[in-house]
């Protein structure tokens, strides 16, 4: 199987799925997400693979959704109106996100650089997150809205009200990140952890993951994520997520510019 937007590698019991659009900061197009989904399915069907690692090529794990003109043209081909947009969002983010969260094998995200919006969404779908010390997460009330479960209600309100980046060390303190490692070592660290996990009985790992996800679902996780999409759609239709000035792959939400400005004002860039 060949891919255009990702790379798929297997080393013993570990499959690594690489986001491979470094020239686009691994912005997430529909094609990239569909290739990720196919790669996860492939890894789960391979009995020799016991653990999955998700990583990104280049200097950024993922700068979020692809807002380029080309991707906009692809979106224009979907069914018209709110119904068409809702269906697209559900299929690409809710359906895929929950499916990835419930993969029958353990999955680890190895993140670095910027992990913005869609980057957060795919990282949180993994079971564990290894972050390089230079990682900067940016949350929003995005399509797959798990942030209150990821960092807790108070921290979620702080991040979304103030709208700022969550740095790797603070993300670990909040319980979102498993470990923080020096920049450039996140993939090796994630793969080493994956190999240790792979020593365990695969069926026991599958059942442990099922029980842990069920425990979270008893606290409303999946129901909340699905319900929060309705609020996202209302917000999206209101025009609250206006785009900044820019063309092609440089287009981004104005809220991202505000978060970057906050970093600059405090000398954190």
Protein backbone atom coordinates (compact mmCIF):
# COMPACT_ATOMS: atom_id res chain seq x y z
CA UNK A 1 0.00 0.00 0.00
CA UNK A 2 1.30 3.43 -0.92
CA UNK A 3 0.55 6.76 0.76
CA UNK A 4 0.92 10.35 -0.34
CA UNK A 5 0.58 12.23 2.94
CA UNK A 6 1.88 9.78 5.56
CA UNK A 7 4.64 7.21 5.97
CA UNK A 8 4.07 3.77 7.48
CA UNK A 9 6.95 1.85 9.05
CA UNK A 10 7.07 -1.37 11.02
CA UNK A 11 10.01 -2.31 13.25
CA UNK A 12 9.33 -5.56 15.06
CA UNK A 13 6.21 -5.15 17.20
CA UNK A 14 5.97 -1.37 16.67
CA UNK A 15 4.24 0.37 13.75
CA UNK A 16 5.02 4.06 13.33
CA UNK A 17 2.62 6.27 11.42
CA UNK A 18 4.31 9.50 10.31
CA UNK A 19 2.46 12.64 9.28
CA UNK A 20 4.46 13.50 6.18
CA UNK A 21 3.58 17.00 5.00
CA UNK A 22 6.51 18.87 6.58
CA UNK A 23 6.34 21.63 3.98
CA UNK A 24 2.74 22.28 5.17
CA UNK A 25 3.59 21.89 8.88
CA UNK A 26 1.63 18.61 8.70
CA UNK A 27 -1.62 20.46 8.18
CA UNK A 28 -4.47 17.98 8.12
CA UNK A 29 -6.26 17.59 4.81
CA UNK A 30 -9.06 15.11 4.30
CA UNK A 31 -6.63 12.89 2.35
CA UNK A 32 -4.13 12.86 5.23
CA UNK A 33 -6.79 11.91 7.78
CA UNK A 34 -8.11 9.14 5.55
CA UNK A 35 -4.60 7.78 5.05
CA UNK A 36 -4.06 7.85 8.83
CA UNK A 37 -7.27 5.91 9.30
CA UNK A 38 -6.19 3.33 6.73
CA UNK A 39 -2.76 2.99 8.38
CA UNK A 40 -4.28 2.45 11.83
CA UNK A 41 -6.58 -0.22 10.36
CA UNK A 42 -3.57 -1.85 8.72
CA UNK A 43 -1.60 -1.88 11.97
CA UNK A 44 -4.50 -3.36 13.91
CA UNK A 45 -4.92 -6.12 11.31
CA UNK A 46 -1.24 -7.09 11.55
CA UNK A 47 -0.80 -9.64 14.33
CA UNK A 48 2.91 -8.89 14.51
CA UNK A 49 2.23 -5.26 15.42
CA UNK A 50 1.44 -4.78 19.09
CA UNK A 51 1.81 -1.02 19.62
CA UNK A 52 1.31 2.00 17.33
CA UNK A 53 3.28 5.26 17.42
CA UNK A 54 2.02 8.45 15.75
CA UNK A 55 4.66 11.07 14.90
CA UNK A 56 5.27 13.99 12.56
CA UNK A 57 8.04 14.79 10.08
CA UNK A 58 9.62 18.23 10.04
CA UNK A 59 9.71 20.84 12.79
CA UNK A 60 6.02 20.64 13.72
CA UNK A 61 3.83 17.74 14.81
CA UNK A 62 0.76 19.36 13.26
CA UNK A 63 -0.29 22.97 12.74
CA UNK A 64 -3.92 21.89 12.63
CA UNK A 65 -6.48 21.82 9.85
CA UNK A 66 -5.48 22.47 6.27
CA UNK A 67 -6.94 25.90 5.44
CA UNK A 68 -5.35 26.16 2.01
CA UNK A 69 -7.29 27.18 -1.06
CA UNK A 70 -6.90 23.68 -2.52
CA UNK A 71 -8.44 22.05 0.53
CA UNK A 72 -11.19 24.67 0.49
CA UNK A 73 -12.01 23.60 -3.06
CA UNK A 74 -12.22 20.00 -1.87
CA UNK A 75 -14.65 21.05 0.86
CA UNK A 76 -16.73 22.87 -1.72
CA UNK A 77 -17.42 19.54 -3.42
CA UNK A 78 -19.30 18.15 -0.41
CA UNK A 79 -23.07 18.32 -0.02
CA UNK A 80 -24.18 21.96 0.25
CA UNK A 81 -25.42 23.76 3.35
CA UNK A 82 -25.11 23.06 7.04
CA UNK A 83 -26.10 19.42 6.59
CA UNK A 84 -23.17 18.81 4.26
CA UNK A 85 -20.70 20.58 6.57
CA UNK A 86 -22.05 18.73 9.60
CA UNK A 87 -21.69 15.37 7.88
CA UNK A 88 -18.12 16.14 6.86
CA UNK A 89 -17.15 17.21 10.38
CA UNK A 90 -18.79 14.16 11.92
CA UNK A 91 -17.12 11.72 9.53
CA UNK A 92 -13.64 13.24 9.69
CA UNK A 93 -13.38 14.17 13.35
CA UNK A 94 -15.98 12.56 15.61
CA UNK A 95 -16.23 9.19 13.88
CA UNK A 96 -12.50 8.88 13.18
CA UNK A 97 -11.44 10.39 16.51
CA UNK A 98 -13.51 8.01 18.60
CA UNK A 99 -12.46 5.08 16.42
CA UNK A 100 -8.78 5.93 16.94
CA UNK A 101 -9.32 6.35 20.68
CA UNK A 102 -10.76 2.85 20.76
CA UNK A 103 -8.15 1.10 18.64
CA UNK A 104 -7.69 -2.44 19.99
CA UNK A 105 -3.95 -1.86 20.41
CA UNK A 106 -2.09 0.72 22.54
CA UNK A 107 -1.17 3.90 20.66
CA UNK A 108 1.38 6.57 21.57
CA UNK A 109 1.68 10.10 20.15
CA UNK A 110 5.21 11.52 19.83
CA UNK A 111 4.70 15.28 19.52
CA UNK A 112 7.02 18.22 19.01
CA UNK A 113 6.92 21.83 17.92
CA UNK A 114 3.44 23.21 17.37
CA UNK A 115 0.47 20.96 18.15
CA UNK A 116 -2.43 23.23 17.22
CA UNK A 117 -6.19 22.53 17.06
CA UNK A 118 -6.35 19.43 14.81
CA UNK A 119 -2.93 18.44 16.13
CA UNK A 120 -4.37 18.35 19.65
CA UNK A 121 -7.35 16.35 18.38
CA UNK A 122 -5.28 13.52 16.89
CA UNK A 123 -2.79 13.49 19.77
CA UNK A 124 -5.53 13.13 22.38
CA UNK A 125 -7.00 10.17 20.51
CA UNK A 126 -3.84 8.24 21.36
CA UNK A 127 -3.47 6.49 24.73
CA UNK A 128 -0.21 8.15 25.79
CA UNK A 129 1.61 11.32 24.71
CA UNK A 130 5.38 11.77 24.70
CA UNK A 131 6.20 15.45 24.16
CA UNK A 132 9.43 17.13 23.20
CA UNK A 133 10.26 19.97 25.57
CA UNK A 134 9.67 22.46 22.72
CA UNK A 135 6.06 21.35 22.19
CA UNK A 136 3.36 24.03 22.30
CA UNK A 137 -0.24 22.82 22.40
CA UNK A 138 -3.11 25.10 21.41
CA UNK A 139 -6.66 24.11 22.33
CA UNK A 140 -9.94 25.53 21.15
CA UNK A 141 -13.58 24.52 21.13
CA UNK A 142 -12.73 22.44 18.09
CA UNK A 143 -14.68 19.61 16.46
CA UNK A 144 -13.46 16.78 18.71
CA UNK A 145 -13.72 18.69 21.97
CA UNK A 146 -12.12 16.57 24.68
CA UNK A 147 -10.18 19.37 26.40
CA UNK A 148 -12.07 19.28 29.77
CA UNK A 149 -11.21 15.59 30.04
CA UNK A 150 -7.63 16.14 28.87
CA UNK A 151 -6.60 18.83 31.37
CA UNK A 152 -9.54 19.27 33.76
CA UNK A 153 -12.30 21.87 33.81
CA UNK A 154 -10.39 24.72 35.49
CA UNK A 155 -7.33 24.41 33.25
CA UNK A 156 -9.58 24.09 30.18
CA UNK A 157 -11.35 27.33 31.09
CA UNK A 158 -8.03 29.08 31.65
CA UNK A 159 -6.68 27.97 28.26
CA UNK A 160 -9.81 28.78 26.28
CA UNK A 161 -10.70 32.01 28.06
CA UNK A 162 -7.16 33.42 27.92
CA UNK A 163 -6.48 31.60 24.65
CA UNK A 164 -2.82 30.76 24.96
CA UNK A 165 -0.41 27.93 24.28
CA UNK A 166 0.05 25.09 26.74
CA UNK A 167 3.75 24.28 26.95
CA UNK A 168 5.00 20.72 27.36
CA UNK A 169 5.95 20.95 31.05
CA UNK A 170 2.61 22.52 31.94
CA UNK A 171 0.81 19.87 29.87
CA UNK A 172 2.57 17.15 31.86
CA UNK A 173 1.61 18.84 35.13
CA UNK A 174 -2.02 18.92 33.93
CA UNK A 175 -1.91 15.18 33.18
CA UNK A 176 -2.27 15.57 29.41
CA UNK A 177 1.31 14.55 28.57
CA UNK A 178 2.88 11.33 29.81
CA UNK A 179 6.54 12.37 29.58
CA UNK A 180 8.59 15.34 28.42
CA UNK A 181 11.90 14.61 26.68
CA UNK A 182 14.57 16.75 25.00
CA UNK A 183 13.66 18.06 21.56
CA UNK A 184 14.45 15.53 18.86
CA UNK A 185 14.18 12.54 21.20
CA UNK A 186 10.39 12.22 21.29
CA UNK A 187 10.08 9.54 18.60
CA UNK A 188 12.88 7.37 19.99
CA UNK A 189 11.37 7.71 23.47
CA UNK A 190 7.90 6.79 22.22
CA UNK A 191 9.23 3.80 20.28
CA UNK A 192 11.24 2.59 23.29
CA UNK A 193 8.13 2.83 25.45
CA UNK A 194 6.16 1.02 22.74
CA UNK A 195 8.66 -1.85 22.74
CA UNK A 196 8.35 -2.20 26.51
CA UNK A 197 4.56 -2.23 26.27
CA UNK A 198 4.81 -4.80 23.46
CA UNK A 199 6.35 -7.27 25.94
CA UNK A 200 2.96 -7.58 27.64
CA UNK A 201 0.29 -10.04 26.56
CA UNK A 202 -1.63 -8.33 23.68
CA UNK A 203 -5.03 -9.60 24.78
CA UNK A 204 -4.44 -8.36 28.34
CA UNK A 205 -3.45 -4.96 26.95
CA UNK A 206 -6.58 -4.85 24.81
CA UNK A 207 -8.83 -5.64 27.77
CA UNK A 208 -7.04 -3.15 30.04
CA UNK A 209 -7.50 -0.42 27.45
CA UNK A 210 -11.16 -1.36 27.02
CA UNK A 211 -11.79 -1.17 30.77
CA UNK A 212 -9.97 2.17 31.11
CA UNK A 213 -11.86 3.71 28.20
CA UNK A 214 -15.12 2.37 29.63
CA UNK A 215 -14.26 4.01 32.96
CA UNK A 216 -13.82 7.33 31.16
CA UNK A 217 -17.06 6.78 29.25
CA UNK A 218 -18.88 6.22 32.55
CA UNK A 219 -17.81 9.81 33.29
CA UNK A 220 -19.48 10.88 30.04
CA UNK A 221 -16.49 11.17 27.69
CA UNK A 222 -17.93 9.87 24.39
CA UNK A 223 -21.37 11.35 24.98
CA UNK A 224 -19.82 14.73 25.76
CA UNK A 225 -17.56 14.71 22.69
CA UNK A 226 -20.52 13.95 20.43
CA UNK A 227 -22.77 16.53 22.09
CA UNK A 228 -20.12 19.26 22.02
CA UNK A 229 -20.13 19.07 18.23
CA UNK A 230 -23.53 20.77 18.20
CA UNK A 231 -22.07 23.77 20.04
CA UNK A 232 -19.10 23.80 17.67
CA UNK A 233 -21.43 23.91 14.66
CA UNK A 234 -23.38 26.85 16.12
CA UNK A 235 -20.10 28.67 16.83
CA UNK A 236 -18.77 27.90 13.38
CA UNK A 237 -21.91 29.16 11.68
CA UNK A 238 -21.73 32.36 13.73
CA UNK A 239 -18.41 33.28 12.10
CA UNK A 240 -16.57 33.28 15.44
CA UNK A 241 -13.56 31.50 13.90
CA UNK A 242 -12.61 34.18 11.39
CA UNK A 243 -9.56 33.57 9.24
CA UNK A 244 -6.53 35.83 9.45
CA UNK A 245 -5.05 37.52 6.43
CA UNK A 246 -2.93 35.20 4.34
CA UNK A 247 -2.92 33.05 1.27
CA UNK A 248 -2.52 29.38 0.48
CA UNK A 249 -0.89 27.34 3.25
CA UNK A 250 -0.27 30.51 5.32
CA UNK A 251 -3.96 31.03 6.09
CA UNK A 252 -4.88 30.53 9.74
CA UNK A 253 -7.46 31.49 12.31
CA UNK A 254 -7.15 34.92 13.92
CA UNK A 255 -7.22 33.19 17.31
CA UNK A 256 -3.91 31.51 16.49
CA UNK A 257 -2.39 34.92 15.78
CA UNK A 258 -3.61 36.13 19.18
CA UNK A 259 -2.00 33.13 20.90
CA UNK A 260 1.26 33.75 19.03
CA UNK A 261 1.15 37.41 20.03
CA UNK A 262 0.70 36.39 23.68
CA UNK A 263 3.86 34.27 23.40
CA UNK A 264 5.80 37.10 21.78
CA UNK A 265 4.76 39.64 24.42
CA UNK A 266 6.15 37.37 27.12
CA UNK A 267 9.32 36.41 25.27
CA UNK A 268 8.24 32.78 24.92
CA UNK A 269 8.68 32.37 21.17
